[in-house]
Amino acid sequence: MTRHLIPLLVFVVIVGFLWAGLSLNPREVPSPLIGKPAPEFALPQLRDGGNIVRAADLRGQVWLLNVFASWCTPCLEEHPYLVDLTRRNLVPVYGLNYKDQRSAALEWLGRHGDPYAGIVVDAEGRTGIEYGVYGVPETFVIDKLGVIRFKHIGPLTPHILNEEILPLVRKLQT
């Protein structure tokens, strides 16, 4: 009897873990960088490759870093919300063009609008790796001291912007 009970208990425990895993949101991957300084970068601007932008240049303001690419279909989903956010002038949004061709990114922005206060090019993806980017799009909220306060994986939605990101931005701006 006992010899059948042990495999049954193991099976029940495994089913319990699987059941609990089904309730998790795969987009909510905790980032070890939350509450830590944003990784430093010195990257060329998309429009003027001779001009270098450093993360340190952005300190003193609350800002969003949006990782995007012209080949990214979900980036197109969130793009109208970024354009609207910029139009409302609530927080500067900087783009990190990830593993993309400069010409393709410029054409994509020309077609869909450019919501970014500035765009840097991460052609090799090294900066994305330092930020823990899983894929595009991803968006980070970075405070005045250069500390990452929030990370969102996947396309932004009005709900995420209005219920999570903008309240945090307002709090950090005061």
Protein backbone atom coordinates (compact mmCIF):
# COMPACT_ATOMS: atom_id res chain seq x y z
CA MET A 1 0.00 0.00 0.00
CA THR A 2 2.76 2.46 0.96
CA ARG A 3 4.62 1.79 -2.26
CA HIS A 4 1.62 3.18 -4.23
CA LEU A 5 1.08 6.10 -1.88
CA ILE A 6 4.49 7.75 -2.47
CA PRO A 7 4.11 8.05 -6.28
CA LEU A 8 0.56 9.33 -5.76
CA LEU A 9 1.79 12.04 -3.35
CA VAL A 10 4.57 13.03 -5.77
CA PHE A 11 2.00 13.24 -8.57
CA VAL A 12 -0.32 15.42 -6.47
CA VAL A 13 2.54 17.80 -5.59
CA ILE A 14 3.57 18.11 -9.26
CA VAL A 15 -0.03 18.79 -10.31
CA GLY A 16 -0.25 21.44 -7.57
CA PHE A 17 2.83 23.25 -8.89
CA LEU A 18 1.56 23.07 -12.46
CA TRP A 19 -1.86 24.38 -11.40
CA ALA A 20 -0.24 27.31 -9.54
CA GLY A 21 1.94 28.05 -12.58
CA LEU A 22 -1.10 28.38 -14.82
CA SER A 23 -2.28 31.34 -12.78
CA LEU A 24 0.94 33.31 -13.36
CA ASN A 25 1.15 36.05 -16.00
CA PRO A 26 4.09 35.32 -18.35
CA ARG A 27 4.48 39.08 -18.99
CA GLU A 28 5.22 39.68 -15.31
CA VAL A 29 8.83 38.59 -15.19
CA PRO A 30 10.42 40.20 -12.15
CA SER A 31 13.46 42.26 -13.05
CA PRO A 32 16.49 42.15 -10.77
CA LEU A 33 17.22 45.72 -11.92
CA ILE A 34 14.19 47.33 -10.23
CA GLY A 35 15.53 49.68 -7.55
CA LYS A 36 19.04 49.57 -8.99
CA PRO A 37 20.90 52.13 -11.13
CA ALA A 38 20.12 51.84 -14.81
CA PRO A 39 23.06 50.40 -16.75
CA GLU A 40 25.28 53.05 -18.27
CA PHE A 41 25.41 53.38 -22.02
CA ALA A 42 27.08 55.58 -24.61
CA LEU A 43 25.29 54.98 -27.90
CA PRO A 44 24.96 56.82 -31.22
CA GLN A 45 21.78 58.71 -32.00
CA LEU A 46 19.58 57.20 -34.68
CA ARG A 47 19.28 60.39 -36.72
CA ASP A 48 22.87 61.58 -36.21
CA GLY A 49 25.18 58.60 -35.71
CA GLY A 50 28.09 60.93 -34.92
CA ASN A 51 26.32 62.25 -31.82
CA ILE A 52 26.65 60.02 -28.74
CA VAL A 53 24.04 59.92 -25.96
CA ARG A 54 24.93 58.67 -22.50
CA ALA A 55 22.55 57.47 -19.81
CA ALA A 56 24.20 60.02 -17.51
CA ASP A 57 22.97 62.80 -19.85
CA LEU A 58 19.38 61.94 -18.88
CA ARG A 59 19.79 62.17 -15.11
CA GLY A 60 17.86 64.87 -13.32
CA GLN A 61 14.56 63.97 -14.96
CA VAL A 62 12.09 61.11 -14.81
CA TRP A 63 12.01 59.41 -18.21
CA LEU A 64 10.85 56.33 -20.05
CA LEU A 65 13.13 54.08 -22.05
CA ASN A 66 11.18 52.27 -24.74
CA VAL A 67 12.95 49.40 -26.50
CA PHE A 68 11.63 49.03 -30.05
CA ALA A 69 12.50 47.86 -33.56
CA SER A 70 11.04 48.32 -37.02
CA TRP A 71 10.70 44.54 -37.42
CA CYS A 72 8.65 44.25 -34.20
CA THR A 73 4.91 43.81 -34.82
CA PRO A 74 3.91 44.41 -31.16
CA CYS A 75 5.89 47.68 -31.28
CA LEU A 76 3.44 48.93 -33.87
CA GLU A 77 0.57 47.99 -31.50
CA GLU A 78 1.87 50.25 -28.73
CA HIS A 79 3.16 53.04 -30.96
CA PRO A 80 -0.05 55.15 -31.05
CA TYR A 81 -0.04 55.20 -27.23
CA LEU A 82 3.55 56.48 -27.20
CA VAL A 83 2.67 59.16 -29.77
CA ASP A 84 -0.28 60.22 -27.59
CA LEU A 85 1.86 60.20 -24.44
CA THR A 86 4.39 62.50 -26.10
CA ARG A 87 1.63 64.78 -27.39
CA ARG A 88 0.36 65.13 -23.80
CA ASN A 89 3.90 66.07 -22.68
CA LEU A 90 3.70 64.10 -19.42
CA VAL A 91 7.13 62.44 -19.47
CA PRO A 92 9.98 62.33 -21.98
CA VAL A 93 10.21 59.04 -23.85
CA TYR A 94 13.57 57.91 -25.20
CA GLY A 95 13.85 55.10 -27.69
CA LEU A 96 16.39 52.29 -27.74
CA ASN A 97 16.37 50.98 -31.29
CA TYR A 98 17.22 47.33 -30.72
CA LYS A 99 19.06 45.12 -33.26
CA ASP A 100 17.65 47.06 -36.18
CA GLN A 101 18.86 48.63 -39.41
CA ARG A 102 19.15 52.41 -39.19
CA SER A 103 17.41 52.95 -42.54
CA ALA A 104 14.53 50.61 -41.64
CA ALA A 105 14.04 52.34 -38.27
CA LEU A 106 14.02 55.81 -39.86
CA GLU A 107 11.52 54.68 -42.50
CA TRP A 108 9.30 53.07 -39.82
CA LEU A 109 9.32 56.27 -37.72
CA GLY A 110 8.61 58.36 -40.82
CA ARG A 111 5.57 56.22 -41.58
CA HIS A 112 4.18 55.91 -38.03
CA GLY A 113 5.40 59.06 -36.26
CA ASP A 114 8.30 59.75 -33.93
CA PRO A 115 7.25 60.03 -30.28
CA TYR A 116 10.78 59.99 -28.93
CA ALA A 117 12.68 62.85 -27.30
CA GLY A 118 15.77 61.01 -28.53
CA ILE A 119 16.64 57.64 -29.99
CA VAL A 120 19.82 55.66 -29.50
CA VAL A 121 20.93 52.70 -31.60
CA ASP A 122 21.73 49.35 -30.00
CA ALA A 123 22.65 47.51 -33.20
CA GLU A 124 24.48 44.67 -31.47
CA GLY A 125 21.97 44.33 -28.60
CA ARG A 126 24.59 44.67 -25.85
CA THR A 127 22.81 47.50 -24.04
CA GLY A 128 19.55 45.58 -24.25
CA ILE A 129 21.25 42.63 -22.60
CA GLU A 130 22.54 44.89 -19.80
CA TYR A 131 18.97 46.11 -19.24
CA GLY A 132 17.71 42.51 -19.15
CA VAL A 133 15.63 42.86 -22.30
CA TYR A 134 13.79 39.63 -23.10
CA GLY A 135 12.33 40.91 -26.36
CA VAL A 136 10.76 43.98 -27.85
CA PRO A 137 8.91 46.04 -26.93
CA GLU A 138 9.88 46.69 -23.35
CA THR A 139 9.53 49.92 -21.39
CA PHE A 140 11.39 51.13 -18.31
CA VAL A 141 10.59 54.01 -15.94
CA ILE A 142 13.82 55.63 -14.75
CA ASP A 143 13.89 58.20 -11.96
CA LYS A 144 15.85 61.46 -11.59
CA LEU A 145 18.81 59.65 -10.05
CA GLY A 146 18.99 57.12 -12.88
CA VAL A 147 17.39 54.26 -10.94
CA ILE A 148 15.05 51.82 -12.70
CA ARG A 149 11.68 51.96 -10.93
CA PHE A 150 9.48 49.91 -13.26
CA LYS A 151 9.76 47.52 -16.21
CA HIS A 152 6.99 46.45 -18.55
CA ILE A 153 7.49 43.57 -20.96
CA GLY A 154 5.37 43.63 -24.11
CA PRO A 155 3.32 46.34 -25.78
CA LEU A 156 2.01 49.20 -23.68
CA THR A 157 -1.74 49.54 -23.32
CA PRO A 158 -3.87 52.44 -22.09
CA HIS A 159 -4.50 50.48 -18.89
CA ILE A 160 -0.80 49.96 -18.16
CA LEU A 161 0.00 53.59 -18.98
CA ASN A 162 -2.86 55.11 -16.97
CA GLU A 163 -2.95 52.69 -14.02
CA GLU A 164 0.72 51.85 -13.53
CA ILE A 165 3.22 54.00 -15.40
CA LEU A 166 1.74 57.52 -15.21
CA PRO A 167 0.89 57.36 -11.48
CA LEU A 168 4.45 56.24 -10.81
CA VAL A 169 5.86 58.99 -13.04
CA ARG A 170 3.80 61.63 -11.22
CA LYS A 171 5.01 60.33 -7.87
CA LEU A 172 8.65 60.35 -9.01
CA GLN A 173 8.39 63.83 -10.51
CA THR A 174 7.41 65.44 -7.18
